[in-house]
N, C-alpha and C. Protein backbone atom coordinates (compact mmCIF):
# COMPACT_ATOMS: atom_id res chain seq x y z
N MET A 1 120.05 102.44 90.59
CA MET A 1 119.57 101.12 90.31
C MET A 1 118.74 101.13 89.06
N THR A 2 118.97 100.17 88.16
CA THR A 2 118.13 100.04 86.98
C THR A 2 116.85 99.38 87.37
N GLU A 3 115.72 100.01 87.05
CA GLU A 3 114.41 99.49 87.45
C GLU A 3 113.90 98.53 86.45
N ASP A 4 113.52 97.33 86.96
CA ASP A 4 112.93 96.33 86.11
C ASP A 4 111.54 96.84 85.61
N PRO A 5 111.28 96.76 84.31
CA PRO A 5 109.99 97.29 83.79
C PRO A 5 108.82 96.51 84.36
N GLU A 6 108.99 95.33 84.82
CA GLU A 6 107.87 94.56 85.42
C GLU A 6 107.69 94.87 86.92
N ALA A 7 108.73 95.44 87.51
CA ALA A 7 108.71 95.60 88.96
C ALA A 7 107.79 96.66 89.46
N GLY A 8 107.59 97.76 88.65
CA GLY A 8 106.84 98.87 89.16
C GLY A 8 107.69 99.80 90.00
N PRO A 9 107.15 100.81 90.62
CA PRO A 9 107.93 101.74 91.38
C PRO A 9 108.52 101.13 92.64
N THR A 10 109.72 101.60 93.01
CA THR A 10 110.33 101.14 94.26
C THR A 10 109.50 101.63 95.43
N GLU A 11 109.30 100.78 96.38
CA GLU A 11 108.56 101.18 97.63
C GLU A 11 109.56 101.58 98.69
N TRP A 12 109.19 102.53 99.52
CA TRP A 12 109.99 103.03 100.56
C TRP A 12 109.21 103.02 101.88
N VAL A 13 109.85 102.61 102.93
CA VAL A 13 109.33 102.73 104.31
C VAL A 13 110.27 103.64 105.03
N GLY A 14 109.81 104.88 105.34
CA GLY A 14 110.69 105.90 105.95
C GLY A 14 111.71 106.26 104.88
N ARG A 15 113.02 106.04 105.13
CA ARG A 15 114.04 106.36 104.22
C ARG A 15 114.72 105.12 103.64
N GLU A 16 114.21 103.93 104.00
CA GLU A 16 114.80 102.73 103.49
C GLU A 16 113.89 102.01 102.50
N PRO A 17 114.44 101.56 101.38
CA PRO A 17 113.55 100.78 100.44
C PRO A 17 113.23 99.39 101.01
N VAL A 18 111.98 98.93 100.71
CA VAL A 18 111.63 97.61 101.19
C VAL A 18 112.14 96.57 100.17
N GLY A 19 112.02 95.28 100.53
CA GLY A 19 112.39 94.29 99.61
C GLY A 19 113.83 93.77 99.88
N VAL A 20 114.48 93.33 98.82
CA VAL A 20 115.81 92.77 98.97
C VAL A 20 116.75 93.31 97.92
N GLY A 21 118.03 93.25 98.23
CA GLY A 21 119.04 93.74 97.30
C GLY A 21 119.41 92.64 96.28
N PRO A 22 120.48 92.86 95.55
CA PRO A 22 120.93 91.87 94.53
C PRO A 22 121.13 90.51 95.20
N TRP A 23 120.92 89.46 94.39
CA TRP A 23 121.07 88.10 94.90
C TRP A 23 122.48 87.82 95.31
N PRO A 24 122.76 87.30 96.48
CA PRO A 24 124.12 87.04 96.93
C PRO A 24 124.56 85.65 96.38
N GLY A 25 125.72 85.59 95.91
CA GLY A 25 126.26 84.30 95.49
C GLY A 25 125.80 83.89 94.06
N ALA A 26 125.96 82.56 93.75
CA ALA A 26 125.58 82.10 92.47
C ALA A 26 124.08 82.19 92.23
N TRP A 27 123.71 82.57 91.04
CA TRP A 27 122.31 82.79 90.71
C TRP A 27 121.60 81.42 90.56
N PRO A 28 120.34 81.33 90.96
CA PRO A 28 119.54 80.10 90.70
C PRO A 28 119.30 79.94 89.21
N THR A 29 119.12 78.70 88.76
CA THR A 29 118.87 78.41 87.36
C THR A 29 117.38 78.22 87.04
N ASP A 30 116.52 78.28 88.08
CA ASP A 30 115.10 78.19 87.83
C ASP A 30 114.64 79.29 86.86
N PRO A 31 113.91 78.94 85.80
CA PRO A 31 113.51 79.97 84.84
C PRO A 31 112.51 80.90 85.36
N ARG A 32 111.94 80.67 86.57
CA ARG A 32 111.03 81.61 87.18
C ARG A 32 111.68 82.93 87.62
N TYR A 33 112.99 82.86 87.86
CA TYR A 33 113.73 83.98 88.32
C TYR A 33 114.10 84.95 87.20
N ASP A 34 114.00 86.26 87.53
CA ASP A 34 114.27 87.28 86.54
C ASP A 34 115.72 87.80 86.66
N PRO A 35 116.53 87.69 85.64
CA PRO A 35 117.93 88.13 85.72
C PRO A 35 118.09 89.55 86.19
N ASP A 36 117.24 90.47 85.71
CA ASP A 36 117.39 91.86 86.12
C ASP A 36 117.13 92.04 87.60
N LEU A 37 116.17 91.29 88.16
CA LEU A 37 115.90 91.39 89.57
C LEU A 37 117.04 90.77 90.40
N LEU A 38 117.55 89.67 89.89
CA LEU A 38 118.65 89.01 90.58
C LEU A 38 119.85 89.95 90.65
N GLU A 39 120.09 90.69 89.62
CA GLU A 39 121.23 91.56 89.52
C GLU A 39 121.02 92.86 90.36
N ASN A 40 119.85 93.41 90.29
CA ASN A 40 119.62 94.77 90.87
C ASN A 40 118.83 94.75 92.19
N GLY A 41 118.23 93.65 92.58
CA GLY A 41 117.37 93.61 93.72
C GLY A 41 115.92 93.66 93.36
N ASP A 42 115.11 93.30 94.36
CA ASP A 42 113.66 93.22 94.14
C ASP A 42 112.92 94.04 95.19
N ARG A 43 112.44 95.18 94.75
CA ARG A 43 111.80 96.13 95.70
C ARG A 43 110.28 96.13 95.50
N ARG A 44 109.70 95.12 94.88
CA ARG A 44 108.27 95.07 94.60
C ARG A 44 107.42 94.71 95.81
N ASN A 45 106.14 95.06 95.70
CA ASN A 45 105.19 94.74 96.77
C ASN A 45 104.70 93.29 96.57
N VAL A 46 105.58 92.34 96.84
CA VAL A 46 105.23 90.89 96.75
C VAL A 46 105.72 90.21 97.99
N VAL A 47 105.08 89.05 98.33
CA VAL A 47 105.50 88.23 99.49
C VAL A 47 106.89 87.67 99.22
N ASP A 48 107.58 87.33 100.33
CA ASP A 48 108.97 86.90 100.18
C ASP A 48 109.05 85.61 99.28
N ALA A 49 108.06 84.80 99.27
CA ALA A 49 108.17 83.58 98.43
C ALA A 49 108.32 83.87 96.96
N TYR A 50 107.88 85.10 96.59
CA TYR A 50 107.96 85.47 95.13
C TYR A 50 109.11 86.46 94.85
N ARG A 51 110.03 86.67 95.76
CA ARG A 51 111.14 87.57 95.50
C ARG A 51 111.99 87.05 94.36
N TYR A 52 112.29 87.97 93.50
CA TYR A 52 113.17 87.76 92.27
C TYR A 52 112.40 87.01 91.18
N TRP A 53 111.18 86.63 91.39
CA TRP A 53 110.46 85.91 90.30
C TRP A 53 109.97 86.88 89.23
N ARG A 54 109.94 86.40 87.99
CA ARG A 54 109.30 87.13 86.90
C ARG A 54 107.80 87.34 87.25
N ARG A 55 107.24 88.44 86.71
CA ARG A 55 105.85 88.76 86.97
C ARG A 55 104.97 87.61 86.40
N SER A 56 105.31 87.17 85.20
CA SER A 56 104.45 86.08 84.57
C SER A 56 104.49 84.84 85.45
N ALA A 57 105.64 84.55 86.07
CA ALA A 57 105.74 83.35 86.92
C ALA A 57 104.90 83.51 88.17
N ILE A 58 104.86 84.74 88.73
CA ILE A 58 104.05 84.94 89.94
C ILE A 58 102.59 84.76 89.61
N VAL A 59 102.12 85.37 88.49
CA VAL A 59 100.72 85.21 88.09
C VAL A 59 100.36 83.75 87.88
N SER A 60 101.24 83.00 87.27
CA SER A 60 100.96 81.64 87.01
C SER A 60 100.84 80.85 88.30
N ASP A 61 101.66 81.18 89.25
CA ASP A 61 101.61 80.46 90.56
C ASP A 61 100.39 80.83 91.34
N VAL A 62 100.06 82.15 91.35
CA VAL A 62 98.82 82.54 92.04
C VAL A 62 97.59 81.93 91.41
N ASP A 63 97.63 81.71 90.08
CA ASP A 63 96.48 81.07 89.39
C ASP A 63 96.23 79.69 89.99
N THR A 64 97.19 79.01 90.53
CA THR A 64 96.99 77.69 91.14
C THR A 64 96.41 77.82 92.52
N ARG A 65 96.37 79.03 93.07
CA ARG A 65 95.86 79.27 94.45
C ARG A 65 94.62 80.06 94.52
N ARG A 66 94.15 80.57 93.37
CA ARG A 66 92.98 81.48 93.40
C ARG A 66 91.74 80.79 93.90
N HIS A 67 90.87 81.64 94.52
CA HIS A 67 89.67 81.13 95.03
C HIS A 67 88.48 81.25 94.03
N SER A 68 87.37 80.70 94.39
CA SER A 68 86.23 80.70 93.42
C SER A 68 85.32 81.90 93.55
N PHE A 69 85.69 82.86 94.35
CA PHE A 69 84.83 84.12 94.36
C PHE A 69 85.45 85.15 93.46
N HIS A 70 84.61 85.95 92.83
CA HIS A 70 85.01 87.11 92.02
C HIS A 70 84.58 88.31 92.77
N VAL A 71 85.12 89.48 92.36
CA VAL A 71 84.78 90.76 92.93
C VAL A 71 84.39 91.71 91.84
N ALA A 72 83.32 92.44 91.99
CA ALA A 72 82.88 93.42 91.00
C ALA A 72 82.59 94.74 91.72
N ILE A 73 82.91 95.83 91.05
CA ILE A 73 82.59 97.17 91.60
C ILE A 73 82.12 98.07 90.45
N GLU A 74 81.05 98.77 90.75
CA GLU A 74 80.50 99.75 89.77
C GLU A 74 81.41 100.98 89.75
N ASN A 75 81.58 101.54 88.53
CA ASN A 75 82.48 102.66 88.33
C ASN A 75 81.79 103.66 87.43
N TRP A 76 80.77 104.29 87.93
CA TRP A 76 80.06 105.30 87.14
C TRP A 76 80.64 106.68 87.38
N GLN A 77 81.33 106.89 88.49
CA GLN A 77 81.84 108.23 88.87
C GLN A 77 83.31 108.24 89.11
N HIS A 78 84.04 107.32 88.49
CA HIS A 78 85.48 107.25 88.68
C HIS A 78 85.81 107.08 90.18
N ASP A 79 85.24 106.03 90.78
CA ASP A 79 85.42 105.85 92.25
C ASP A 79 86.85 105.62 92.60
N HIS A 80 87.41 106.45 93.50
CA HIS A 80 88.83 106.34 93.85
C HIS A 80 89.14 105.09 94.69
N ASN A 81 88.11 104.39 95.19
CA ASN A 81 88.32 103.25 96.02
C ASN A 81 88.64 101.96 95.21
N ILE A 82 88.51 102.01 93.90
CA ILE A 82 88.66 100.76 93.13
C ILE A 82 90.08 100.16 93.31
N GLY A 83 91.09 101.03 93.37
CA GLY A 83 92.45 100.54 93.55
C GLY A 83 92.59 99.76 94.81
N THR A 84 92.00 100.22 95.88
CA THR A 84 92.03 99.52 97.17
C THR A 84 91.33 98.21 97.04
N VAL A 85 90.16 98.14 96.35
CA VAL A 85 89.45 96.90 96.15
C VAL A 85 90.32 95.88 95.41
N VAL A 86 90.99 96.38 94.37
CA VAL A 86 91.83 95.43 93.57
C VAL A 86 92.99 94.88 94.43
N ARG A 87 93.61 95.76 95.22
CA ARG A 87 94.72 95.34 96.04
C ARG A 87 94.24 94.28 97.06
N THR A 88 93.09 94.46 97.70
CA THR A 88 92.57 93.54 98.60
C THR A 88 92.18 92.20 97.93
N ALA A 89 91.55 92.33 96.73
CA ALA A 89 91.21 91.09 96.03
C ALA A 89 92.46 90.26 95.69
N ASN A 90 93.54 90.98 95.35
CA ASN A 90 94.81 90.27 95.11
C ASN A 90 95.30 89.57 96.34
N ALA A 91 95.21 90.23 97.50
CA ALA A 91 95.65 89.65 98.77
C ALA A 91 94.86 88.39 99.09
N PHE A 92 93.61 88.36 98.79
CA PHE A 92 92.76 87.19 99.06
C PHE A 92 92.66 86.23 97.90
N ALA A 93 93.44 86.49 96.83
CA ALA A 93 93.47 85.58 95.67
C ALA A 93 92.11 85.40 95.06
N ALA A 94 91.42 86.47 94.77
CA ALA A 94 90.15 86.39 94.08
C ALA A 94 90.34 85.95 92.62
N ALA A 95 89.39 85.25 92.10
CA ALA A 95 89.53 84.69 90.75
C ALA A 95 89.69 85.89 89.71
N GLU A 96 88.81 86.88 89.82
CA GLU A 96 88.92 88.03 88.95
C GLU A 96 88.27 89.21 89.62
N VAL A 97 88.67 90.44 89.17
CA VAL A 97 88.03 91.64 89.57
C VAL A 97 87.35 92.23 88.30
N HIS A 98 86.05 92.59 88.45
CA HIS A 98 85.29 93.09 87.33
C HIS A 98 84.99 94.59 87.58
N ILE A 99 85.29 95.40 86.59
CA ILE A 99 84.95 96.81 86.69
C ILE A 99 83.72 97.04 85.78
N VAL A 100 82.67 97.55 86.39
CA VAL A 100 81.40 97.76 85.69
C VAL A 100 81.20 99.22 85.45
N GLY A 101 81.07 99.62 84.17
CA GLY A 101 80.85 101.06 83.88
C GLY A 101 82.01 101.62 83.13
N ARG A 102 82.58 102.73 83.66
CA ARG A 102 83.70 103.41 83.03
C ARG A 102 84.92 102.48 83.01
N ARG A 103 85.61 102.43 81.93
CA ARG A 103 86.73 101.53 81.78
C ARG A 103 87.97 102.02 82.52
N ARG A 104 88.14 103.37 82.60
CA ARG A 104 89.27 103.94 83.30
C ARG A 104 89.04 104.10 84.77
N TRP A 105 90.05 103.75 85.59
CA TRP A 105 89.91 103.87 87.02
C TRP A 105 91.29 104.23 87.61
N ASN A 106 91.29 104.85 88.79
CA ASN A 106 92.50 105.29 89.42
C ASN A 106 93.23 104.08 89.98
N ARG A 107 94.39 103.77 89.44
CA ARG A 107 95.16 102.57 89.84
C ARG A 107 96.06 102.86 91.01
N ARG A 108 96.20 104.05 91.44
CA ARG A 108 97.19 104.40 92.53
C ARG A 108 97.02 103.52 93.77
N GLY A 109 95.77 103.37 94.16
CA GLY A 109 95.53 102.61 95.38
C GLY A 109 95.84 101.16 95.27
N ALA A 110 95.93 100.64 94.02
CA ALA A 110 96.23 99.23 93.84
C ALA A 110 97.68 98.87 94.15
N MET A 111 98.55 99.87 94.24
CA MET A 111 99.99 99.65 94.62
C MET A 111 100.62 98.60 93.71
N VAL A 112 100.32 98.66 92.37
CA VAL A 112 100.83 97.82 91.34
C VAL A 112 100.31 96.33 91.45
N THR A 113 99.45 96.04 92.38
CA THR A 113 98.95 94.64 92.47
C THR A 113 98.03 94.32 91.32
N ASP A 114 97.56 95.29 90.56
CA ASP A 114 96.71 94.99 89.41
C ASP A 114 97.51 94.24 88.37
N ARG A 115 98.87 94.25 88.42
CA ARG A 115 99.64 93.53 87.47
C ARG A 115 99.60 92.03 87.72
N TYR A 116 99.17 91.66 88.90
CA TYR A 116 99.11 90.25 89.30
C TYR A 116 97.68 89.73 89.43
N GLN A 117 96.72 90.58 89.19
CA GLN A 117 95.33 90.24 89.40
C GLN A 117 94.58 90.27 88.03
N HIS A 118 93.80 89.22 87.74
CA HIS A 118 93.00 89.21 86.51
C HIS A 118 91.83 90.24 86.64
N LEU A 119 91.78 91.06 85.59
CA LEU A 119 90.73 92.11 85.57
C LEU A 119 89.84 91.89 84.31
N ARG A 120 88.59 92.28 84.44
CA ARG A 120 87.66 92.20 83.34
C ARG A 120 86.76 93.42 83.38
N HIS A 121 86.44 93.96 82.22
CA HIS A 121 85.53 95.13 82.16
C HIS A 121 84.21 94.78 81.58
N HIS A 122 83.12 95.37 82.11
CA HIS A 122 81.79 95.25 81.57
C HIS A 122 81.21 96.65 81.39
N ASP A 123 80.62 96.91 80.26
CA ASP A 123 80.04 98.19 79.99
C ASP A 123 78.91 98.57 80.97
N ASP A 124 78.14 97.53 81.39
CA ASP A 124 77.00 97.79 82.25
C ASP A 124 76.71 96.57 83.11
N VAL A 125 75.71 96.68 83.96
CA VAL A 125 75.39 95.60 84.84
C VAL A 125 74.93 94.36 84.09
N ALA A 126 74.24 94.63 82.98
CA ALA A 126 73.74 93.52 82.14
C ALA A 126 74.88 92.63 81.68
N GLY A 127 76.00 93.28 81.37
CA GLY A 127 77.20 92.47 80.92
C GLY A 127 77.74 91.65 82.06
N LEU A 128 77.77 92.14 83.25
CA LEU A 128 78.19 91.39 84.42
C LEU A 128 77.27 90.25 84.72
N VAL A 129 75.97 90.49 84.59
CA VAL A 129 74.98 89.46 84.82
C VAL A 129 75.14 88.32 83.83
N SER A 130 75.34 88.69 82.57
CA SER A 130 75.57 87.66 81.51
C SER A 130 76.76 86.83 81.84
N PHE A 131 77.89 87.45 82.23
CA PHE A 131 79.06 86.69 82.62
C PHE A 131 78.77 85.77 83.78
N SER A 132 78.14 86.28 84.82
CA SER A 132 77.91 85.52 86.05
C SER A 132 77.05 84.31 85.75
N GLU A 133 75.98 84.51 84.97
CA GLU A 133 75.07 83.37 84.63
C GLU A 133 75.83 82.35 83.78
N GLY A 134 76.64 82.76 82.88
CA GLY A 134 77.36 81.84 81.99
C GLY A 134 78.44 81.06 82.80
N ALA A 135 78.95 81.65 83.85
CA ALA A 135 80.01 80.99 84.65
C ALA A 135 79.40 80.25 85.85
N GLY A 136 78.08 80.33 86.01
CA GLY A 136 77.47 79.65 87.15
C GLY A 136 77.79 80.27 88.48
N LEU A 137 77.84 81.60 88.54
CA LEU A 137 78.23 82.33 89.73
C LEU A 137 77.05 83.09 90.30
N ALA A 138 76.76 82.98 91.59
CA ALA A 138 75.74 83.75 92.22
C ALA A 138 76.18 85.18 92.36
N LEU A 139 75.28 86.11 92.08
CA LEU A 139 75.61 87.55 92.20
C LEU A 139 75.18 88.02 93.59
N VAL A 140 76.16 88.35 94.42
CA VAL A 140 75.90 88.78 95.78
C VAL A 140 76.18 90.28 95.93
N ALA A 141 75.08 91.05 96.12
CA ALA A 141 75.31 92.51 96.27
C ALA A 141 75.58 92.78 97.72
N VAL A 142 76.43 93.84 97.90
CA VAL A 142 76.82 94.31 99.23
C VAL A 142 76.31 95.74 99.37
N ASP A 143 75.23 95.91 100.23
CA ASP A 143 74.67 97.24 100.36
C ASP A 143 73.79 97.28 101.64
N ASN A 144 73.73 98.43 102.28
CA ASN A 144 72.88 98.53 103.48
C ASN A 144 71.50 98.95 103.08
N THR A 145 70.77 98.03 102.51
CA THR A 145 69.41 98.28 102.04
C THR A 145 68.42 97.46 102.84
N PRO A 146 67.16 97.90 102.91
CA PRO A 146 66.13 97.06 103.62
C PRO A 146 66.08 95.66 103.05
N GLY A 147 66.00 94.67 103.92
CA GLY A 147 65.92 93.33 103.50
C GLY A 147 67.24 92.61 103.33
N SER A 148 68.36 93.35 103.43
CA SER A 148 69.65 92.69 103.30
C SER A 148 69.93 91.84 104.53
N VAL A 149 70.81 90.87 104.33
CA VAL A 149 71.14 89.89 105.38
C VAL A 149 72.56 90.32 105.93
N PRO A 150 72.68 90.51 107.22
CA PRO A 150 73.96 90.84 107.78
C PRO A 150 75.03 89.80 107.40
N VAL A 151 76.14 90.24 106.82
CA VAL A 151 77.12 89.31 106.40
C VAL A 151 77.72 88.52 107.57
N GLU A 152 77.59 89.07 108.77
CA GLU A 152 78.12 88.39 109.99
C GLU A 152 77.37 87.09 110.23
N VAL A 153 76.17 86.93 109.74
CA VAL A 153 75.35 85.71 109.97
C VAL A 153 75.03 85.05 108.63
N ALA A 154 75.32 85.61 107.51
CA ALA A 154 74.99 85.05 106.25
C ALA A 154 75.94 83.98 105.83
N SER A 155 75.45 83.06 104.98
CA SER A 155 76.31 82.06 104.38
C SER A 155 76.55 82.40 102.94
N LEU A 156 77.75 82.77 102.60
CA LEU A 156 78.04 83.24 101.24
C LEU A 156 78.22 82.04 100.33
N PRO A 157 77.75 82.09 99.11
CA PRO A 157 77.94 81.02 98.16
C PRO A 157 79.44 80.86 97.90
N ARG A 158 79.90 79.63 97.68
CA ARG A 158 81.32 79.36 97.38
C ARG A 158 81.66 79.94 96.01
N GLU A 159 80.82 79.76 95.02
CA GLU A 159 81.00 80.27 93.74
C GLU A 159 80.17 81.50 93.52
N CYS A 160 80.77 82.67 93.59
CA CYS A 160 79.96 83.86 93.60
C CYS A 160 80.71 85.10 93.02
N VAL A 161 80.01 86.16 92.75
CA VAL A 161 80.54 87.45 92.49
C VAL A 161 80.13 88.41 93.56
N LEU A 162 81.04 88.97 94.30
CA LEU A 162 80.74 89.95 95.36
C LEU A 162 80.69 91.31 94.68
N LEU A 163 79.51 91.91 94.67
CA LEU A 163 79.34 93.18 93.90
C LEU A 163 79.19 94.37 94.84
N PHE A 164 80.04 95.38 94.66
CA PHE A 164 80.12 96.54 95.45
C PHE A 164 79.73 97.83 94.69
N GLY A 165 79.07 98.72 95.36
CA GLY A 165 78.71 99.98 94.70
C GLY A 165 79.77 101.03 94.96
N GLN A 166 79.43 102.24 94.70
CA GLN A 166 80.41 103.36 94.85
C GLN A 166 80.20 104.03 96.18
N GLU A 167 81.24 104.76 96.57
CA GLU A 167 81.18 105.54 97.80
C GLU A 167 80.04 106.54 97.64
N GLY A 168 79.17 106.58 98.59
CA GLY A 168 78.06 107.56 98.58
C GLY A 168 76.77 106.93 98.04
N PRO A 169 76.60 106.83 96.72
CA PRO A 169 75.34 106.34 96.20
C PRO A 169 75.13 104.82 96.38
N GLY A 170 76.18 104.11 96.59
CA GLY A 170 76.03 102.66 96.78
C GLY A 170 75.74 102.00 95.46
N LEU A 171 75.06 100.82 95.50
CA LEU A 171 74.78 100.08 94.26
C LEU A 171 73.65 100.79 93.48
N SER A 172 73.77 100.64 92.16
CA SER A 172 72.70 101.13 91.25
C SER A 172 71.46 100.32 91.44
N PRO A 173 70.26 100.84 91.08
CA PRO A 173 69.07 100.01 91.09
C PRO A 173 69.17 98.79 90.23
N GLU A 174 69.84 98.88 89.13
CA GLU A 174 70.00 97.72 88.21
C GLU A 174 70.84 96.60 88.92
N ALA A 175 71.84 96.99 89.66
CA ALA A 175 72.62 96.00 90.32
C ALA A 175 71.88 95.32 91.51
N GLN A 176 71.12 96.15 92.24
CA GLN A 176 70.31 95.58 93.33
C GLN A 176 69.26 94.59 92.77
N GLU A 177 68.65 94.95 91.70
CA GLU A 177 67.60 94.10 91.09
C GLU A 177 68.21 92.76 90.57
N ALA A 178 69.45 92.85 90.03
CA ALA A 178 70.04 91.61 89.39
C ALA A 178 70.59 90.69 90.46
N ALA A 179 70.85 91.11 91.69
CA ALA A 179 71.48 90.24 92.68
C ALA A 179 70.55 89.21 93.18
N SER A 180 71.05 88.01 93.40
CA SER A 180 70.32 86.92 93.97
C SER A 180 70.33 87.00 95.48
N MET A 181 71.22 87.77 96.04
CA MET A 181 71.36 87.92 97.50
C MET A 181 71.97 89.29 97.78
N VAL A 182 71.51 89.92 98.86
CA VAL A 182 72.07 91.16 99.30
C VAL A 182 72.49 91.06 100.72
N VAL A 183 73.77 91.39 101.00
CA VAL A 183 74.27 91.34 102.36
C VAL A 183 74.69 92.74 102.75
N SER A 184 74.70 92.99 104.04
CA SER A 184 75.11 94.27 104.62
C SER A 184 76.14 94.01 105.70
N ILE A 185 76.77 95.08 106.14
CA ILE A 185 77.74 95.00 107.21
C ILE A 185 77.24 95.66 108.48
N ALA A 186 77.22 94.98 109.57
CA ALA A 186 76.70 95.59 110.77
C ALA A 186 77.45 96.82 111.19
N GLN A 187 76.82 97.91 111.51
CA GLN A 187 77.41 99.11 111.94
C GLN A 187 76.77 99.61 113.24
N PHE A 188 77.55 100.31 114.05
CA PHE A 188 77.06 100.68 115.37
C PHE A 188 77.30 102.18 115.71
N GLY A 189 77.88 102.87 114.76
CA GLY A 189 78.12 104.32 115.02
C GLY A 189 77.18 105.23 114.30
N SER A 190 77.59 106.45 114.04
CA SER A 190 76.65 107.46 113.52
C SER A 190 76.65 107.51 112.01
N THR A 191 77.74 107.06 111.30
CA THR A 191 77.78 107.20 109.91
C THR A 191 76.86 106.18 109.22
N ARG A 192 76.29 106.60 108.05
CA ARG A 192 75.33 105.77 107.39
C ARG A 192 76.00 104.66 106.54
N SER A 193 77.31 104.89 106.24
CA SER A 193 77.96 103.93 105.41
C SER A 193 79.48 103.95 105.72
N ILE A 194 80.20 102.89 105.26
CA ILE A 194 81.60 102.93 105.44
C ILE A 194 82.32 102.93 104.08
N ASN A 195 83.58 103.23 104.09
CA ASN A 195 84.31 103.32 102.87
C ASN A 195 84.18 102.06 102.04
N ALA A 196 84.01 102.20 100.71
CA ALA A 196 83.74 101.04 99.83
C ALA A 196 84.94 100.11 99.84
N GLY A 197 86.17 100.63 99.91
CA GLY A 197 87.32 99.73 99.95
C GLY A 197 87.35 98.93 101.22
N VAL A 198 86.98 99.51 102.34
CA VAL A 198 86.93 98.80 103.61
C VAL A 198 85.82 97.78 103.60
N ALA A 199 84.66 98.13 103.09
CA ALA A 199 83.54 97.22 102.95
C ALA A 199 83.93 95.97 102.12
N ALA A 200 84.65 96.23 101.08
CA ALA A 200 85.04 95.09 100.18
C ALA A 200 85.98 94.12 100.99
N GLY A 201 86.93 94.69 101.71
CA GLY A 201 87.80 93.86 102.52
C GLY A 201 87.09 93.02 103.55
N ILE A 202 86.08 93.61 104.20
CA ILE A 202 85.32 92.88 105.22
C ILE A 202 84.62 91.72 104.61
N VAL A 203 83.94 91.92 103.50
CA VAL A 203 83.14 90.88 102.89
C VAL A 203 84.02 89.80 102.27
N MET A 204 85.08 90.19 101.60
CA MET A 204 86.03 89.17 101.11
C MET A 204 86.58 88.31 102.21
N HIS A 205 86.89 88.94 103.33
CA HIS A 205 87.41 88.16 104.47
C HIS A 205 86.32 87.23 105.05
N ALA A 206 85.06 87.66 105.01
CA ALA A 206 83.99 86.78 105.42
C ALA A 206 83.92 85.51 104.55
N TRP A 207 84.14 85.76 103.22
CA TRP A 207 84.14 84.58 102.32
C TRP A 207 85.35 83.69 102.70
N VAL A 208 86.48 84.23 102.95
CA VAL A 208 87.67 83.47 103.27
C VAL A 208 87.44 82.68 104.56
N ARG A 209 86.87 83.28 105.53
CA ARG A 209 86.63 82.58 106.85
C ARG A 209 85.72 81.38 106.62
N GLU A 210 84.75 81.48 105.68
CA GLU A 210 83.78 80.39 105.49
C GLU A 210 84.30 79.31 104.57
N HIS A 211 85.10 79.70 103.52
CA HIS A 211 85.34 78.75 102.47
C HIS A 211 86.84 78.42 102.24
N ALA A 212 87.80 79.31 102.60
CA ALA A 212 89.16 79.14 102.17
C ALA A 212 89.86 78.10 103.00
N ASP A 213 90.87 77.46 102.40
CA ASP A 213 91.73 76.52 103.07
C ASP A 213 92.89 77.33 103.67
N LEU A 214 92.79 77.61 104.96
CA LEU A 214 93.72 78.52 105.64
C LEU A 214 95.14 77.93 105.65
N SER A 215 95.26 76.65 105.46
CA SER A 215 96.61 76.05 105.53
C SER A 215 97.42 76.45 104.26
N ARG A 216 96.76 77.07 103.25
CA ARG A 216 97.43 77.47 102.04
C ARG A 216 97.81 78.96 102.11
N SER A 217 97.48 79.67 103.17
CA SER A 217 97.81 81.05 103.27
C SER A 217 99.27 81.24 103.55
N TRP A 218 99.81 82.48 103.28
CA TRP A 218 101.20 82.77 103.54
C TRP A 218 101.36 82.97 105.04
């Protein structure tokens, strides 16, 4: 099969590829459809509503559905969880994902979803703060620090940036100081922290439960 350059790698479940094969019958004339995908099939990690669509068409459509929360993650030590955070942000239609610190990050965990998600880089926390203030977004830090509010009972701002630290060290002192609100995730076991990618998913879903129009979900 000729691989569409926009499609990314073919996904496999067991020994069978996921997705759909070549379009059966007469092709649709809608310009959102990609001729290469119609001819060869669409094996991308996209919902069925976007099968055979051009990548640019998918991004444009998701832009009409994006929410008002942003996600930011510090990347001082090449955190391998960033890909997972990006994939989850895409699933919840975050406005943007901000990478703070090192520009390069491991994209494997994103499963090609970074192609459909708006990304922005900031050299440091000050750059993120400047962006947030200019856009009128509250900076909400997520960390298990003294004085944090459990996200289970917190009311998250509708327009905000959810800021996550790295696995292990958590948020930098600069990030904690810059935040207007700090929330934590209730834990009941022996570990002092949970995976940063998991934490991001929990807090994004908390925002969705409070603010999203669930009738627009897939």
